[in-house]
Amino acid sequence: QASKKFFLYRKNNKSKTSNEWKKKINSKVVEFAWTKFCNSIVQHWVCDTWYSALSPDQEFPEEVRRLLNSIFGELCLRTRGIDVKGRLLRDICHVLMRNLTLYRTVSSRVGRLEFE
């Protein structure tokens, strides 16, 4: 009885979550690219590698696709609020200053070694 309820829940839940991730992305180009990438991941790392030797059933690979799609959709939704320009500028400035300081330190030490 419990397994029947679980099966019915999964069957009803598939229709709700199968396209829910697309609403979170809100970009046809990203959706298309992700679909191709996700399909290649599942094909190469699940179907071709080990699953096709165990079973011809496609339910598990489809479940992996749905899981990856929902994770990617959630990731897109969460990253939408990040200030990318400000974050990049801050990080690039920090990295440049660190490299400049390192360059000056190394160059002064190398210069002292050449003259000794």
Protein backbone atom coordinates (compact mmCIF):
# COMPACT_ATOMS: atom_id res chain seq x y z
CA GLN A 1 0.00 0.00 0.00
CA ALA A 2 2.81 2.44 0.89
CA SER A 3 4.68 1.72 -2.34
CA LYS A 4 1.49 2.37 -4.31
CA LYS A 5 1.07 5.77 -2.59
CA PHE A 6 4.72 6.58 -3.34
CA PHE A 7 4.27 5.62 -6.98
CA LEU A 8 1.13 7.74 -7.29
CA TYR A 9 2.90 10.67 -5.58
CA ARG A 10 5.85 10.42 -7.98
CA LYS A 11 3.53 10.10 -10.96
CA ASN A 12 1.53 13.19 -9.93
CA ASN A 13 4.67 15.07 -8.89
CA LYS A 14 6.37 14.54 -12.29
CA SER A 15 3.98 16.81 -14.13
CA LYS A 16 4.41 19.58 -11.55
CA THR A 17 8.20 19.58 -11.48
CA SER A 18 9.02 18.65 -15.08
CA ASN A 19 8.68 22.23 -16.36
CA GLU A 20 8.90 24.16 -13.09
CA TRP A 21 12.65 24.68 -13.54
CA LYS A 22 12.07 26.45 -16.87
CA LYS A 23 10.02 29.15 -15.13
CA LYS A 24 12.91 29.81 -12.75
CA ILE A 25 15.41 30.27 -15.59
CA ASN A 26 13.26 32.57 -17.73
CA SER A 27 15.59 32.42 -20.75
CA LYS A 28 15.11 30.21 -23.80
CA VAL A 29 18.81 30.33 -24.73
CA VAL A 30 19.97 29.20 -21.28
CA GLU A 31 17.20 26.61 -21.17
CA PHE A 32 18.29 25.16 -24.52
CA ALA A 33 21.98 25.11 -23.55
CA TRP A 34 21.24 23.54 -20.16
CA THR A 35 19.01 20.87 -21.72
CA LYS A 36 21.76 19.84 -24.12
CA PHE A 37 24.37 19.86 -21.35
CA CYS A 38 22.15 17.94 -18.91
CA ASN A 39 21.27 15.34 -21.53
CA SER A 40 24.93 14.79 -22.34
CA ILE A 41 25.78 14.44 -18.63
CA VAL A 42 23.06 11.85 -18.09
CA GLN A 43 23.89 10.00 -21.29
CA HIS A 44 27.63 9.84 -20.65
CA TRP A 45 27.83 9.44 -16.86
CA VAL A 46 24.68 7.41 -16.19
CA CYS A 47 23.42 5.56 -19.26
CA ASP A 48 26.64 4.80 -21.15
CA THR A 49 28.79 4.21 -18.09
CA TRP A 50 26.80 1.81 -15.95
CA TYR A 51 23.00 2.01 -16.01
CA SER A 52 22.31 0.55 -19.46
CA ALA A 53 24.13 -2.63 -18.40
CA LEU A 54 21.74 -2.99 -15.45
CA SER A 55 18.39 -2.14 -16.99
CA PRO A 56 16.83 -0.94 -20.24
CA ASP A 57 14.33 1.09 -18.21
CA GLN A 58 14.56 4.86 -18.71
CA GLU A 59 12.80 5.91 -15.49
CA PHE A 60 16.00 6.37 -13.48
CA PRO A 61 17.82 8.50 -16.10
CA GLU A 62 14.68 10.65 -16.41
CA GLU A 63 14.59 11.06 -12.64
CA VAL A 64 18.25 12.14 -12.70
CA ARG A 65 17.41 14.68 -15.43
CA ARG A 66 14.50 16.03 -13.37
CA LEU A 67 16.73 16.32 -10.32
CA LEU A 68 19.50 18.11 -12.22
CA ASN A 69 16.95 20.42 -13.86
CA SER A 70 15.39 21.38 -10.54
CA ILE A 71 18.83 22.02 -8.99
CA PHE A 72 19.85 24.19 -11.94
CA GLY A 73 16.56 26.09 -11.85
CA GLU A 74 16.99 26.80 -8.15
CA LEU A 75 20.59 27.87 -8.72
CA CYS A 76 19.49 30.29 -11.45
CA LEU A 77 16.79 31.71 -9.23
CA ARG A 78 19.21 32.29 -6.35
CA THR A 79 21.97 33.81 -8.47
CA ARG A 80 19.62 36.31 -10.07
CA GLY A 81 19.91 38.57 -7.03
CA ILE A 82 23.73 38.77 -7.07
CA ASP A 83 25.36 42.05 -8.11
CA VAL A 84 27.80 40.55 -10.61
CA LYS A 85 29.43 43.80 -11.77
CA GLY A 86 30.15 45.05 -8.27
CA ARG A 87 31.39 41.67 -7.13
CA LEU A 88 33.70 41.27 -10.13
CA LEU A 89 35.12 44.76 -9.78
CA ARG A 90 35.79 44.25 -6.08
CA ASP A 91 37.39 40.85 -6.60
CA ILE A 92 39.48 41.94 -9.61
CA CYS A 93 40.80 44.98 -7.75
CA HIS A 94 41.70 42.80 -4.78
CA VAL A 95 43.53 40.26 -6.96
CA LEU A 96 45.37 42.95 -8.91
CA MET A 97 46.56 44.67 -5.73
CA ARG A 98 47.71 41.36 -4.25
CA ASN A 99 49.64 40.49 -7.43
CA LEU A 100 51.19 43.96 -7.62
CA THR A 101 52.36 43.71 -4.02
CA LEU A 102 53.77 40.24 -4.65
CA TYR A 103 55.52 41.44 -7.82
CA ARG A 104 57.12 44.37 -5.98
CA THR A 105 58.27 42.13 -3.12
CA VAL A 106 59.80 39.53 -5.43
CA SER A 107 61.38 42.10 -7.71
CA SER A 108 63.03 43.92 -4.78
CA ARG A 109 64.39 40.65 -3.39
CA VAL A 110 65.68 39.51 -6.79
CA GLY A 111 67.28 42.92 -7.34
CA ARG A 112 69.14 42.66 -4.02
CA LEU A 113 70.37 39.15 -4.86
CA GLU A 114 71.82 40.21 -8.22
CA PHE A 115 73.97 42.91 -6.63
CA GLU A 116 75.33 40.77 -3.75
